[in-house]
Protein backbone atom coordinates (compact mmCIF):
# COMPACT_ATOMS: atom_id res chain seq x y z
CA MET A 1 0.00 0.00 0.00
CA ARG A 2 2.76 2.40 0.93
CA GLY A 3 4.69 1.91 -2.34
CA SER A 4 1.58 2.18 -4.50
CA LEU A 5 0.71 5.57 -3.00
CA ARG A 6 4.16 7.09 -3.36
CA ILE A 7 4.26 7.28 -7.19
CA PRO A 8 0.89 9.06 -7.64
CA LEU A 9 1.76 11.56 -4.91
CA LEU A 10 5.09 12.35 -6.58
CA ALA A 11 3.34 12.74 -9.94
CA ILE A 12 0.70 15.09 -8.49
CA GLY A 13 3.40 17.12 -6.75
CA THR A 14 5.36 17.41 -9.99
CA VAL A 15 2.34 18.56 -11.99
CA LEU A 16 1.33 21.09 -9.33
CA GLY A 17 4.91 22.35 -9.03
CA TYR A 18 5.21 22.98 -12.76
CA GLY A 19 1.78 24.60 -12.81
CA PHE A 20 2.74 26.97 -10.02
CA ALA A 21 6.02 27.84 -11.74
CA PHE A 22 4.33 28.66 -15.07
CA HIS A 23 1.68 30.69 -13.29
CA ALA A 24 4.32 32.68 -11.40
CA MET A 25 6.36 33.30 -14.57
CA HIS A 26 3.27 34.56 -16.39
CA HIS A 27 2.28 36.99 -13.66
CA ARG A 28 5.78 38.31 -12.93
CA ARG A 29 6.71 39.49 -16.41
CA ASN A 30 6.45 43.15 -15.42
CA GLU A 31 8.51 42.64 -12.28
CA ARG A 32 11.30 41.12 -14.36
CA GLY A 33 11.63 44.32 -16.39
CA ALA A 34 11.80 46.38 -13.21
CA TRP A 35 14.48 44.07 -11.82
CA GLU A 36 16.55 44.35 -15.01
CA ARG A 37 16.30 48.16 -14.89
CA HIS A 38 17.41 48.13 -11.26
CA ILE A 39 20.45 45.97 -12.04
CA ALA A 40 21.32 48.22 -15.01
CA ASP A 41 21.13 51.30 -12.76
CA VAL A 42 23.43 49.67 -10.21
CA CYS A 43 25.95 48.77 -12.92
CA VAL A 44 25.87 52.26 -14.45
CA GLY A 45 26.32 53.83 -11.01
CA ALA A 46 29.31 51.62 -10.30
CA ALA A 47 30.84 52.45 -13.68
CA ARG A 48 30.37 56.16 -13.14
CA LYS A 49 31.88 55.91 -9.68
CA GLY A 50 34.90 54.18 -11.23
CA ASP A 51 35.20 56.90 -13.89
CA LYS A 52 35.50 59.60 -11.22
CA GLY A 53 38.61 57.96 -9.82
CA ASP A 54 36.93 56.69 -6.68
CA SER A 55 38.01 53.30 -5.55
CA VAL A 56 35.68 50.52 -6.54
CA LYS A 57 35.63 47.53 -4.22
CA GLY A 58 37.59 44.68 -5.73
CA ASN A 59 39.46 46.86 -8.22
CA ASP A 60 43.09 46.63 -7.09
CA THR A 61 44.72 47.46 -10.41
CA PRO A 62 46.62 50.74 -10.51
CA PRO A 63 45.52 53.34 -13.05
CA LYS A 64 47.28 53.23 -16.41
CA THR A 65 49.84 55.92 -17.06
CA GLU A 66 50.79 57.02 -20.52
CA SER A 67 54.37 56.35 -21.38
CA PRO A 68 56.26 59.02 -23.30
CA GLU A 69 56.83 58.22 -26.93
CA PRO A 70 60.48 57.66 -27.95
């Protein structure tokens, strides 16, 4: 009895899990765009901070200096 109940329960759980995932993906399309814009803003802010000469965490390379031409 125990083994014969396990397979249908796993199948029902799988179907419900996929259904929930597709439902969530359908209803969160607008939130994905907002998240992408947020990430883009963070990246642009970090790039601008690096352009100003401020130290960016994890950037240990010294600034390039131009060598005089021979």
